[in-house]
C-alpha cells in the first residue's frame, strides 16, 4: 500500500470545513500512514484537539509552547514530514503562507518544511473568486505546491458556488497518487554525481571572488534523484542550503580546485553526472596571508584561469551520462550548443538571465535542454519541478 509508513503532516486552519478533516485522518491511518496534526489557534473554534488526537494517535499542537513549558518545534515538525497537507486552507492562512507572515505554529512549520505541500482551499465563493485569492493560489503553485481546487456546492453562508473544500477522499487520492508516482524507483542502483553552488577564490583571509549561486537547483536535483532511488553524491560549494536525506551524501568544498579534486574521487563510479555548480573561471594568482589594507586609490589583482572541471569530466568520460549547465546573457542558444560540443557533454541545460525568475537565488527557473540532436523548451517552474523535467529527460535519453 503506497501510504504505508508515510509521514503525513496535516495543518488545519479555522474554517467550517475543518469538521471533514476527521475523515481524512481516519483514511490515512487506516492505510497505515503516520499522521501528525497541527492547528491554527482559530481552528480550535471548529474542531477539538481531543478528537483529532484520538484519530491520529498523536498529540495535536496549536501553539509554540506546551502546557508544561516545552517547546513544540516547528523545525522538527517540518523536517519530519514526507508531505504536508493544509486543509482546510482559509484565505487568511493562504495569504500568510505565500507572503511569509509567520505568526503561528502552522505557518512557522510550513516555512520550515522541506517536503511537498498540498493545499486544499476552503472559503465562501466570493472570497475564493477574489483576485487576491486567485493570485495567492498562483503564487503557491509557483512555489511548487499542489493545489487541490475547491469544489462547487452549498457553502456555510447558504450560497451555492465554488469554495467548498475538496472531499477528504479527493485529498487522500491526490496524496496517494503523489506517492504512487514517486515510489517508482527509476534510478534504483544508479550513482548520480551532482555539483552545486558557487566556488569562492580567496584574495586574502577575509575577501574572495565568487558569484551569486545559491545551490538551490543542485539541491532540487539531488532530492529528485534520491526519490527515484539513486545514490546521490552532492559536491557543494559555499551555500547555506541543507539537505536531510540518507540517500544524499554531501561533500562541502570552497574553491574550484577543491571541487575538481572531490569530483574525481567519485566520477569513475558515477552513472550520471550533473554539473550545476557555478564555478569561478578565475582565481587570484597570489593569495595574501594577511588582510589587504586600504592604502591606494586602485588595487590590481592578477588572476589566473581555474581548472575547467566540466571540460575535464568530458575528456575523461567513459560510461557516464554527462550533463552541464549554461547560464547566458547573450547569444544564449549558440553559446550553449558550443559548450555542449566543446566539452563532450551528452546534454546541456540553458537558462538565461534575461528570463525573469530564472538564474541565481530564485526558487524558480526557466530552461531549455539541448542534446546533439534535440532541443526542448520549458516554461517557468519551481526548481523542484525543473529538476523533475531534467531527470525525466535524462531517463528518456538513457533508454534510447
Foldseek 3Di string as FASTA:
>chain_A
DLQAAAEEEEEEEQDLLSVLVLVLLLVSVVVNHQYAYEYAPNNCVRDPQVSVCVSNVHGYYKAQADPVGHGPDLLCLQDPHQEYEYPAQELVNLVCQLVVVDDISVNSNSVNHPHAYEYFYADDPCSCPDPVNVVSVVSCVQLVHHYPFFDWAQHPVRDTGGGHTDHSVSVNVVVSVVSVVLQAQLQAPAEEEEEFEWAWAAQEPPDTDIDQAARLLRVLLQVSNVSNRYQYEYEYEDHPDDDDDPSYHYHYDHAPVRSLVVCVVCLVRHQEYEYHYHHDQKHFPDHHHHDDDPDDPDDDTDIDGDDDSLLVSQVPDDNHQYEYEDEDAPPFVVVQVVCCVNSNHQKYKYFYPVDPQDDHPHQKHWIWMDGPPDIDGDDIHGSNVVSVVVVVVVSVVVVD
